[in-house]
Amino acid sequence: MHTSDLSYNVEPLGRCWTISFCHIPHGTFDRRVDALRAAVRDADRVRRMGHRVTVVVARPQGAPLAERVVRPAP
């Protein structure tokens, strides 16, 4: 089976949040946590197909923290 290293990026899009996959934004969410939940849910689905998946979460603008990387459980 062919596997890939895939990355979902949760990032701000104006006043909303989006999930970027393959550098293309997919969907808009009013809250960062809603975008994160959707990204992790889909990342888990893709992981079960045999791919290695990472979810990178941007911090709200102005936050003094770096982005966060989440890896779904194996």
Protein backbone atom coordinates (compact mmCIF):
# COMPACT_ATOMS: atom_id res chain seq x y z
CA MET A 1 0.00 0.00 0.00
CA HIS A 2 1.26 3.47 -0.85
CA THR A 3 1.46 5.83 2.14
CA SER A 4 2.15 9.53 2.34
CA ASP A 5 3.05 12.12 4.94
CA LEU A 6 0.09 14.49 4.98
CA SER A 7 -0.44 17.73 6.83
CA TYR A 8 -3.65 19.53 7.77
CA ASN A 9 -3.17 23.18 8.73
CA VAL A 10 -5.70 25.00 10.91
CA GLU A 11 -5.15 28.69 10.28
CA PRO A 12 -6.91 32.05 10.47
CA LEU A 13 -8.82 33.28 7.44
CA GLY A 14 -9.97 36.81 8.14
CA ARG A 15 -12.24 36.59 11.19
CA CYS A 16 -12.80 32.85 10.69
CA TRP A 17 -10.64 29.73 10.72
CA THR A 18 -9.99 27.30 7.88
CA ILE A 19 -8.35 23.93 7.33
CA SER A 20 -5.74 23.96 4.57
CA PHE A 21 -4.82 20.67 2.98
CA CYS A 22 -2.37 20.57 0.08
CA HIS A 23 -2.16 24.39 0.31
CA ILE A 24 -5.88 24.76 -0.47
CA PRO A 25 -8.31 26.12 2.16
CA HIS A 26 -11.25 23.82 2.86
CA GLY A 27 -14.23 25.16 4.78
CA THR A 28 -14.60 28.02 7.21
CA PHE A 29 -15.34 27.81 10.90
CA ASP A 30 -16.35 30.56 13.31
CA ARG A 31 -14.23 29.08 16.09
CA ARG A 32 -10.69 27.73 16.06
CA VAL A 33 -11.72 24.73 18.16
CA ASP A 34 -14.36 23.73 15.60
CA ALA A 35 -11.78 23.81 12.79
CA LEU A 36 -9.37 21.79 14.96
CA ARG A 37 -11.99 19.14 15.70
CA ALA A 38 -12.87 18.80 12.01
CA ALA A 39 -9.19 18.54 11.02
CA VAL A 40 -8.44 15.88 13.64
CA ARG A 41 -11.56 13.90 12.71
CA ASP A 42 -10.56 13.83 9.02
CA ALA A 43 -6.89 13.23 9.85
CA ASP A 44 -7.92 10.18 11.89
CA ARG A 45 -9.93 8.86 8.94
CA VAL A 46 -6.96 9.31 6.60
CA ARG A 47 -4.58 7.75 9.15
CA ARG A 48 -6.73 4.62 9.25
CA MET A 49 -6.15 4.35 5.49
CA GLY A 50 -2.43 3.97 6.23
CA HIS A 51 -1.06 7.50 5.85
CA ARG A 52 1.06 9.42 8.34
CA VAL A 53 -0.84 12.57 9.29
CA THR A 54 0.02 15.75 11.16
CA VAL A 55 -2.34 18.56 12.18
CA VAL A 56 -0.62 21.95 12.53
CA VAL A 57 -2.65 24.51 14.47
CA ALA A 58 -1.90 28.23 14.23
CA ARG A 59 -2.35 30.32 17.35
CA PRO A 60 -4.77 33.24 17.34
CA GLN A 61 -3.19 36.39 15.92
CA GLY A 62 -1.21 38.25 18.56
CA ALA A 63 -0.73 35.17 20.77
CA PRO A 64 2.86 34.93 22.04
CA LEU A 65 3.00 31.16 21.41
CA ALA A 66 4.23 29.25 18.37
CA GLU A 67 1.95 27.02 16.29
CA ARG A 68 1.05 23.66 17.76
CA VAL A 69 1.53 20.28 16.08
CA VAL A 70 -0.95 17.48 16.84
CA ARG A 71 -0.38 13.91 15.74
CA PRO A 72 -3.37 11.56 15.99
CA ALA A 73 -2.75 8.42 18.04
CA PRO A 74 -1.33 5.48 16.08
